[in-house]
Amino acid sequence: MGQCLELSAAVCRIGLYSCFRAFCCKGPPSPRTEYDVVCVGLTGSGKSSLLTQLCSESTDSIIPTTGFSIKAVPFQNAILNVKELGGADNIRKYWSRYYQGSQGVVFVLDSASSEDDLETARNELHSALQHPQLCTLPFLILANHQDKPAARSLQEIKKYFELEPLARGQRWILQPCSVENMDAVREGFNQFISLLEEIDQEHIPGRI
């Protein structure tokens, strides 16, 4: 019953999406282009910590996301309105309900996780890459926790997740990162924004 109430509350909050965006990462109005992005990944992958750091907020009271949360994450040439979805077992089956309207996908994985969790992350990423509402969108795949001794290398992750054969023809970026190296996180997001801008340019009427 408790899980149902949590999910119902999360669905109700969708109606307040635009209101929440106005108060996340407060700052003066900006003419920067805004993009709506969905962020997914298993619990413990570090989604909330990375987004909170990007917003220059305190990470002292971070707890696992239940349902979803929204942050307007500012960058030099764009603002990403990021809808972060909880990664718990009972939440992941509802992810697809929140995909509509997304212009890009951020998938965060724990590169130092157990084999079982890594396999679950691979299955979830494969499902996202092939989902009808996401398969044409650019993906930023953040291989987080690279500062941990057990972290897999980028090549190991690319091979294990079968990214090159699976995502052939799609626009995706695989970026190693950690909360200890936010420059790498920002680099990945800047590349991601470039992909979003490319798609915008392609959709300009009359452009060949």
C-alpha atoms as a PDB file:
ATOM      1  CA  MET A   1       0.000   0.000   0.000  1.00  0.00           C
ATOM      2  CA  GLY A   2       2.835   2.372   0.906  1.00  0.00           C
ATOM      3  CA  GLN A   3       4.508   1.864  -2.486  1.00  0.00           C
ATOM      4  CA  CYS A   4       1.221   2.584  -4.296  1.00  0.00           C
ATOM      5  CA  LEU A   5       0.781   5.832  -2.351  1.00  0.00           C
ATOM      6  CA  GLU A   6       4.330   6.896  -3.192  1.00  0.00           C
ATOM      7  CA  LEU A   7       3.791   6.215  -6.881  1.00  0.00           C
ATOM      8  CA  SER A   8       0.430   8.014  -6.880  1.00  0.00           C
ATOM      9  CA  ALA A   9       2.053  11.041  -5.287  1.00  0.00           C
ATOM     10  CA  ALA A  10       4.800  10.983  -7.917  1.00  0.00           C
ATOM     11  CA  VAL A  11       2.256  10.910 -10.756  1.00  0.00           C
ATOM     12  CA  CYS A  12       0.376  13.843  -9.210  1.00  0.00           C
ATOM     13  CA  ARG A  13       3.574  15.852  -9.113  1.00  0.00           C
ATOM     14  CA  ILE A  14       3.845  15.701 -12.912  1.00  0.00           C
ATOM     15  CA  GLY A  15       1.105  18.334 -13.052  1.00  0.00           C
ATOM     16  CA  LEU A  16       3.338  20.666 -11.047  1.00  0.00           C
ATOM     17  CA  TYR A  17       6.365  20.127 -13.316  1.00  0.00           C
ATOM     18  CA  SER A  18       6.489  23.649 -14.709  1.00  0.00           C
ATOM     19  CA  CYS A  19       6.086  25.155 -11.224  1.00  0.00           C
ATOM     20  CA  PHE A  20       8.946  23.110  -9.807  1.00  0.00           C
ATOM     21  CA  ARG A  21      11.252  24.079 -12.675  1.00  0.00           C
ATOM     22  CA  ALA A  22      10.928  27.749 -11.769  1.00  0.00           C
ATOM     23  CA  PHE A  23      12.345  27.143  -8.300  1.00  0.00           C
ATOM     24  CA  CYS A  24      15.112  24.600  -9.010  1.00  0.00           C
ATOM     25  CA  CYS A  25      18.657  25.953  -9.196  1.00  0.00           C
ATOM     26  CA  LYS A  26      17.407  29.533  -8.743  1.00  0.00           C
ATOM     27  CA  GLY A  27      19.022  32.219 -10.855  1.00  0.00           C
ATOM     28  CA  PRO A  28      18.177  35.217 -13.043  1.00  0.00           C
ATOM     29  CA  PRO A  29      16.124  34.625 -16.214  1.00  0.00           C
ATOM     30  CA  SER A  30      18.260  33.566 -19.157  1.00  0.00           C
ATOM     31  CA  PRO A  31      17.744  33.413 -22.917  1.00  0.00           C
ATOM     32  CA  ARG A  32      19.603  30.093 -22.978  1.00  0.00           C
ATOM     33  CA  THR A  33      17.870  27.250 -24.798  1.00  0.00           C
ATOM     34  CA  GLU A  34      16.095  24.802 -22.509  1.00  0.00           C
ATOM     35  CA  TYR A  35      15.914  21.052 -23.087  1.00  0.00           C
ATOM     36  CA  ASP A  36      13.778  18.518 -21.253  1.00  0.00           C
ATOM     37  CA  VAL A  37      15.850  15.483 -20.299  1.00  0.00           C
ATOM     38  CA  VAL A  38      15.071  12.267 -18.439  1.00  0.00           C
ATOM     39  CA  CYS A  39      17.739  10.807 -16.133  1.00  0.00           C
ATOM     40  CA  VAL A  40      17.637   7.123 -15.183  1.00  0.00           C
ATOM     41  CA  GLY A  41      19.870   4.563 -13.496  1.00  0.00           C
ATOM     42  CA  LEU A  42      19.798   2.076 -10.638  1.00  0.00           C
ATOM     43  CA  THR A  43      19.626   3.187  -7.019  1.00  0.00           C
ATOM     44  CA  GLY A  44      23.137   3.946  -5.845  1.00  0.00           C
ATOM     45  CA  SER A  45      24.481   4.852  -9.279  1.00  0.00           C
ATOM     46  CA  GLY A  46      24.931   8.453  -8.129  1.00  0.00           C
ATOM     47  CA  LYS A  47      22.299  10.305 -10.179  1.00  0.00           C
ATOM     48  CA  SER A  48      21.213  12.655  -7.406  1.00  0.00           C
ATOM     49  CA  SER A  49      24.759  13.410  -6.255  1.00  0.00           C
ATOM     50  CA  LEU A  50      25.939  14.358  -9.740  1.00  0.00           C
ATOM     51  CA  LEU A  51      22.915  16.552 -10.479  1.00  0.00           C
ATOM     52  CA  THR A  52      23.114  18.229  -7.075  1.00  0.00           C
ATOM     53  CA  GLN A  53      26.796  19.017  -7.607  1.00  0.00           C
ATOM     54  CA  LEU A  54      26.052  20.431 -11.052  1.00  0.00           C
ATOM     55  CA  CYS A  55      23.552  22.792  -9.410  1.00  0.00           C
ATOM     56  CA  SER A  56      26.174  23.797  -6.802  1.00  0.00           C
ATOM     57  CA  GLU A  57      23.902  22.569  -4.023  1.00  0.00           C
ATOM     58  CA  SER A  58      24.866  20.778  -0.817  1.00  0.00           C
ATOM     59  CA  THR A  59      25.086  16.982  -1.034  1.00  0.00           C
ATOM     60  CA  ASP A  60      24.899  16.488   2.748  1.00  0.00           C
ATOM     61  CA  SER A  61      21.243  15.404   2.872  1.00  0.00           C
ATOM     62  CA  ILE A  62      20.905  13.400  -0.351  1.00  0.00           C
ATOM     63  CA  ILE A  63      18.649  10.352  -0.106  1.00  0.00           C
ATOM     64  CA  PRO A  64      17.573   7.852  -2.817  1.00  0.00           C
ATOM     65  CA  THR A  65      14.951   9.339  -5.137  1.00  0.00           C
ATOM     66  CA  THR A  66      11.416   7.985  -4.688  1.00  0.00           C
ATOM     67  CA  GLY A  67       9.236   8.510  -7.744  1.00  0.00           C
ATOM     68  CA  PHE A  68      10.992  11.399  -9.461  1.00  0.00           C
ATOM     69  CA  SER A  69      12.611  14.760  -8.828  1.00  0.00           C
ATOM     70  CA  ILE A  70      13.221  17.714 -11.117  1.00  0.00           C
ATOM     71  CA  LYS A  71      16.205  20.015 -11.395  1.00  0.00           C
ATOM     72  CA  ALA A  72      16.914  22.855 -13.812  1.00  0.00           C
ATOM     73  CA  VAL A  73      20.638  22.372 -14.379  1.00  0.00           C
ATOM     74  CA  PRO A  74      22.360  25.460 -15.836  1.00  0.00           C
ATOM     75  CA  PHE A  75      25.194  25.357 -18.349  1.00  0.00           C
ATOM     76  CA  GLN A  76      26.885  28.161 -20.257  1.00  0.00           C
ATOM     77  CA  ASN A  77      24.800  27.794 -23.414  1.00  0.00           C
ATOM     78  CA  ALA A  78      21.752  25.826 -22.261  1.00  0.00           C
ATOM     79  CA  ILE A  79      19.563  24.810 -19.339  1.00  0.00           C
ATOM     80  CA  LEU A  80      18.684  21.156 -18.909  1.00  0.00           C
ATOM     81  CA  ASN A  81      15.377  20.500 -17.164  1.00  0.00           C
ATOM     82  CA  VAL A  82      16.298  17.092 -15.794  1.00  0.00           C
ATOM     83  CA  LYS A  83      13.599  14.713 -14.594  1.00  0.00           C
ATOM     84  CA  GLU A  84      15.430  12.168 -12.440  1.00  0.00           C
ATOM     85  CA  LEU A  85      13.576   8.879 -11.952  1.00  0.00           C
ATOM     86  CA  GLY A  86      14.091   6.661  -8.916  1.00  0.00           C
ATOM     87  CA  GLY A  87      16.076   3.496  -9.578  1.00  0.00           C
ATOM     88  CA  ALA A  88      14.572   1.068  -7.063  1.00  0.00           C
ATOM     89  CA  ASP A  89      13.111  -2.240  -8.242  1.00  0.00           C
ATOM     90  CA  ASN A  90       9.531  -1.151  -7.581  1.00  0.00           C
ATOM     91  CA  ILE A  91      10.005   2.133  -9.478  1.00  0.00           C
ATOM     92  CA  ARG A  92      11.878   1.040 -12.612  1.00  0.00           C
ATOM     93  CA  LYS A  93       8.852  -0.693 -14.125  1.00  0.00           C
ATOM     94  CA  TYR A  94       7.138   2.715 -14.228  1.00  0.00           C
ATOM     95  CA  TRP A  95       9.988   4.580 -15.911  1.00  0.00           C
ATOM     96  CA  SER A  96       8.305   4.585 -19.320  1.00  0.00           C
ATOM     97  CA  ARG A  97       5.386   6.619 -17.942  1.00  0.00           C
ATOM     98  CA  TYR A  98       7.764   9.570 -17.593  1.00  0.00           C
ATOM     99  CA  TYR A  99       9.471   9.401 -20.998  1.00  0.00           C
ATOM    100  CA  GLN A 100       6.982  11.505 -22.943  1.00  0.00           C
ATOM    101  CA  GLY A 101       8.309  14.916 -23.967  1.00  0.00           C
ATOM    102  CA  SER A 102      11.954  14.041 -23.372  1.00  0.00           C
ATOM    103  CA  GLN A 103      14.518  15.453 -25.798  1.00  0.00           C
ATOM    104  CA  GLY A 104      17.452  13.466 -24.464  1.00  0.00           C
ATOM    105  CA  VAL A 105      18.390  10.725 -22.001  1.00  0.00           C
ATOM    106  CA  VAL A 106      21.023  10.630 -19.250  1.00  0.00           C
ATOM    107  CA  PHE A 107      21.783   7.107 -18.035  1.00  0.00           C
ATOM    108  CA  VAL A 108      23.992   6.840 -14.937  1.00  0.00           C
ATOM    109  CA  LEU A 109      25.656   3.537 -14.078  1.00  0.00           C
ATOM    110  CA  ASP A 110      27.880   2.483 -11.202  1.00  0.00           C
ATOM    111  CA  SER A 111      31.058   1.275 -12.861  1.00  0.00           C
ATOM    112  CA  ALA A 112      32.196  -0.290  -9.552  1.00  0.00           C
ATOM    113  CA  SER A 113      28.975  -2.186  -8.825  1.00  0.00           C
ATOM    114  CA  SER A 114      28.504  -5.932  -8.330  1.00  0.00           C
ATOM    115  CA  GLU A 115      28.187  -8.199 -11.358  1.00  0.00           C
ATOM    116  CA  ASP A 116      24.465  -8.652 -10.665  1.00  0.00           C
ATOM    117  CA  ASP A 117      23.801  -4.917 -10.497  1.00  0.00           C
ATOM    118  CA  LEU A 118      25.894  -4.316 -13.600  1.00  0.00           C
ATOM    119  CA  GLU A 119      23.841  -6.875 -15.503  1.00  0.00           C
ATOM    120  CA  THR A 120      20.627  -5.217 -14.321  1.00  0.00           C
ATOM    121  CA  ALA A 121      21.971  -1.832 -15.440  1.00  0.00           C
ATOM    122  CA  ARG A 122      22.843  -3.292 -18.841  1.00  0.00           C
ATOM    123  CA  ASN A 123      19.322  -4.679 -19.258  1.00  0.00           C
ATOM    124  CA  GLU A 124      17.767  -1.348 -18.295  1.00  0.00           C
ATOM    125  CA  LEU A 125      20.029   0.576 -20.683  1.00  0.00           C
ATOM    126  CA  HIS A 126      19.202  -1.818 -23.508  1.00  0.00           C
ATOM    127  CA  SER A 127      15.484  -1.340 -22.811  1.00  0.00           C
ATOM    128  CA  ALA A 128      15.880   2.441 -22.858  1.00  0.00           C
ATOM    129  CA  LEU A 129      17.913   2.462 -26.077  1.00  0.00           C
ATOM    130  CA  GLN A 130      15.206   0.434 -27.810  1.00  0.00           C
ATOM    131  CA  HIS A 131      12.148   2.146 -26.327  1.00  0.00           C
ATOM    132  CA  PRO A 132       9.988   3.790 -29.023  1.00  0.00           C
ATOM    133  CA  GLN A 133       9.922   7.130 -27.200  1.00  0.00           C
ATOM    134  CA  LEU A 134      13.684   7.215 -26.623  1.00  0.00           C
ATOM    135  CA  CYS A 135      15.356   5.343 -29.479  1.00  0.00           C
ATOM    136  CA  THR A 136      15.747   8.461 -31.650  1.00  0.00           C
ATOM    137  CA  LEU A 137      17.078  10.653 -28.821  1.00  0.00           C
ATOM    138  CA  PRO A 138      20.700  11.378 -27.884  1.00  0.00           C
ATOM    139  CA  PHE A 139      22.038   9.448 -24.863  1.00  0.00           C
ATOM    140  CA  LEU A 140      24.624  10.533 -22.312  1.00  0.00           C
ATOM    141  CA  ILE A 141      25.858   7.429 -20.486  1.00  0.00           C
ATOM    142  CA  LEU A 142      27.803   8.356 -17.357  1.00  0.00           C
ATOM    143  CA  ALA A 143      30.108   5.617 -16.054  1.00  0.00           C
ATOM    144  CA  ASN A 144      30.150   6.910 -12.505  1.00  0.00           C
ATOM    145  CA  HIS A 145      32.329   6.035  -9.481  1.00  0.00           C
ATOM    146  CA  GLN A 146      35.504   5.873 -11.522  1.00  0.00           C
ATOM    147  CA  ASP A 147      37.345   6.921  -8.354  1.00  0.00           C
ATOM    148  CA  LYS A 148      36.656   3.537  -6.725  1.00  0.00           C
ATOM    149  CA  PRO A 149      39.232   0.722  -6.914  1.00  0.00           C
ATOM    150  CA  ALA A 150      36.708  -1.746  -8.364  1.00  0.00           C
ATOM    151  CA  ALA A 151      35.647   0.562 -11.208  1.00  0.00           C
ATOM    152  CA  ARG A 152      35.615  -0.993 -14.683  1.00  0.00           C
ATOM    153  CA  SER A 153      37.469   0.811 -17.445  1.00  0.00           C
ATOM    154  CA  LEU A 154      35.635   2.582 -20.230  1.00  0.00           C
ATOM    155  CA  GLN A 155      36.570  -0.161 -22.683  1.00  0.00           C
ATOM    156  CA  GLU A 156      35.302  -2.867 -20.317  1.00  0.00           C
ATOM    157  CA  ILE A 157      31.983  -1.060 -19.933  1.00  0.00           C
ATOM    158  CA  LYS A 158      31.621  -0.423 -23.653  1.00  0.00           C
ATOM    159  CA  LYS A 159      32.218  -4.114 -24.370  1.00  0.00           C
ATOM    160  CA  TYR A 160      30.033  -5.462 -21.547  1.00  0.00           C
ATOM    161  CA  PHE A 161      27.124  -3.164 -22.391  1.00  0.00           C
ATOM    162  CA  GLU A 162      27.480  -3.976 -26.114  1.00  0.00           C
ATOM    163  CA  LEU A 163      27.111  -0.297 -26.925  1.00  0.00           C
ATOM    164  CA  GLU A 164      28.651  -0.208 -30.381  1.00  0.00           C
ATOM    165  CA  PRO A 165      26.531  -2.983 -31.940  1.00  0.00           C
ATOM    166  CA  LEU A 166      23.369  -2.121 -29.994  1.00  0.00           C
ATOM    167  CA  ALA A 167      23.414   1.657 -30.392  1.00  0.00           C
ATOM    168  CA  ARG A 168      24.770   1.750 -33.939  1.00  0.00           C
ATOM    169  CA  GLY A 169      23.151   4.648 -35.772  1.00  0.00           C
ATOM    170  CA  GLN A 170      22.145   6.365 -32.535  1.00  0.00           C
ATOM    171  CA  ARG A 171      23.771   9.409 -30.975  1.00  0.00           C
ATOM    172  CA  TRP A 172      25.399   8.510 -27.684  1.00  0.00           C
ATOM    173  CA  ILE A 173      28.282   9.506 -25.455  1.00  0.00           C
ATOM    174  CA  LEU A 174      29.984   7.287 -22.876  1.00  0.00           C
ATOM    175  CA  GLN A 175      31.715   9.455 -20.272  1.00  0.00           C
ATOM    176  CA  PRO A 176      33.763   8.224 -17.290  1.00  0.00           C
ATOM    177  CA  CYS A 177      33.176  10.331 -14.188  1.00  0.00           C
ATOM    178  CA  SER A 178      32.875  10.659 -10.426  1.00  0.00           C
ATOM    179  CA  VAL A 179      31.744  13.310  -7.946  1.00  0.00           C
ATOM    180  CA  GLU A 180      35.434  13.845  -7.267  1.00  0.00           C
ATOM    181  CA  ASN A 181      35.956  14.935 -10.880  1.00  0.00           C
ATOM    182  CA  MET A 182      33.088  17.214 -11.812  1.00  0.00           C
ATOM    183  CA  ASP A 183      35.068  18.594 -14.760  1.00  0.00           C
ATOM    184  CA  ALA A 184      34.607  15.204 -16.453  1.00  0.00           C
ATOM    185  CA  VAL A 185      30.879  15.311 -15.676  1.00  0.00           C
ATOM    186  CA  ARG A 186      30.554  18.783 -17.193  1.00  0.00           C
ATOM    187  CA  GLU A 187      32.553  17.701 -20.226  1.00  0.00           C
ATOM    188  CA  GLY A 188      30.102  14.868 -20.833  1.00  0.00           C
ATOM    189  CA  PHE A 189      27.107  17.181 -20.458  1.00  0.00           C
ATOM    190  CA  ASN A 190      28.625  19.776 -22.790  1.00  0.00           C
ATOM    191  CA  GLN A 191      29.042  17.104 -25.474  1.00  0.00           C
ATOM    192  CA  PHE A 192      25.460  16.015 -24.793  1.00  0.00           C
ATOM    193  CA  ILE A 193      24.194  19.574 -25.241  1.00  0.00           C
ATOM    194  CA  SER A 194      26.053  19.756 -28.564  1.00  0.00           C
ATOM    195  CA  LEU A 195      24.080  16.707 -29.732  1.00  0.00           C
ATOM    196  CA  LEU A 196      20.825  18.333 -28.629  1.00  0.00           C
ATOM    197  CA  GLU A 197      21.760  21.504 -30.528  1.00  0.00           C
ATOM    198  CA  GLU A 198      22.596  19.476 -33.650  1.00  0.00           C
ATOM    199  CA  ILE A 199      19.125  17.950 -33.599  1.00  0.00           C
ATOM    200  CA  ASP A 200      17.596  21.416 -33.167  1.00  0.00           C
ATOM    201  CA  GLN A 201      19.494  22.617 -36.244  1.00  0.00           C
ATOM    202  CA  GLU A 202      18.326  19.629 -38.273  1.00  0.00           C
ATOM    203  CA  HIS A 203      14.715  20.498 -37.481  1.00  0.00           C
ATOM    204  CA  ILE A 204      14.965  24.074 -38.722  1.00  0.00           C
ATOM    205  CA  PRO A 205      12.489  24.432 -41.659  1.00  0.00           C
ATOM    206  CA  GLY A 206      14.181  24.591 -45.041  1.00  0.00           C
ATOM    207  CA  ARG A 207      17.490  23.235 -43.763  1.00  0.00           C
ATOM    208  CA  ILE A 208      18.963  20.449 -45.930  1.00  0.00           C
END
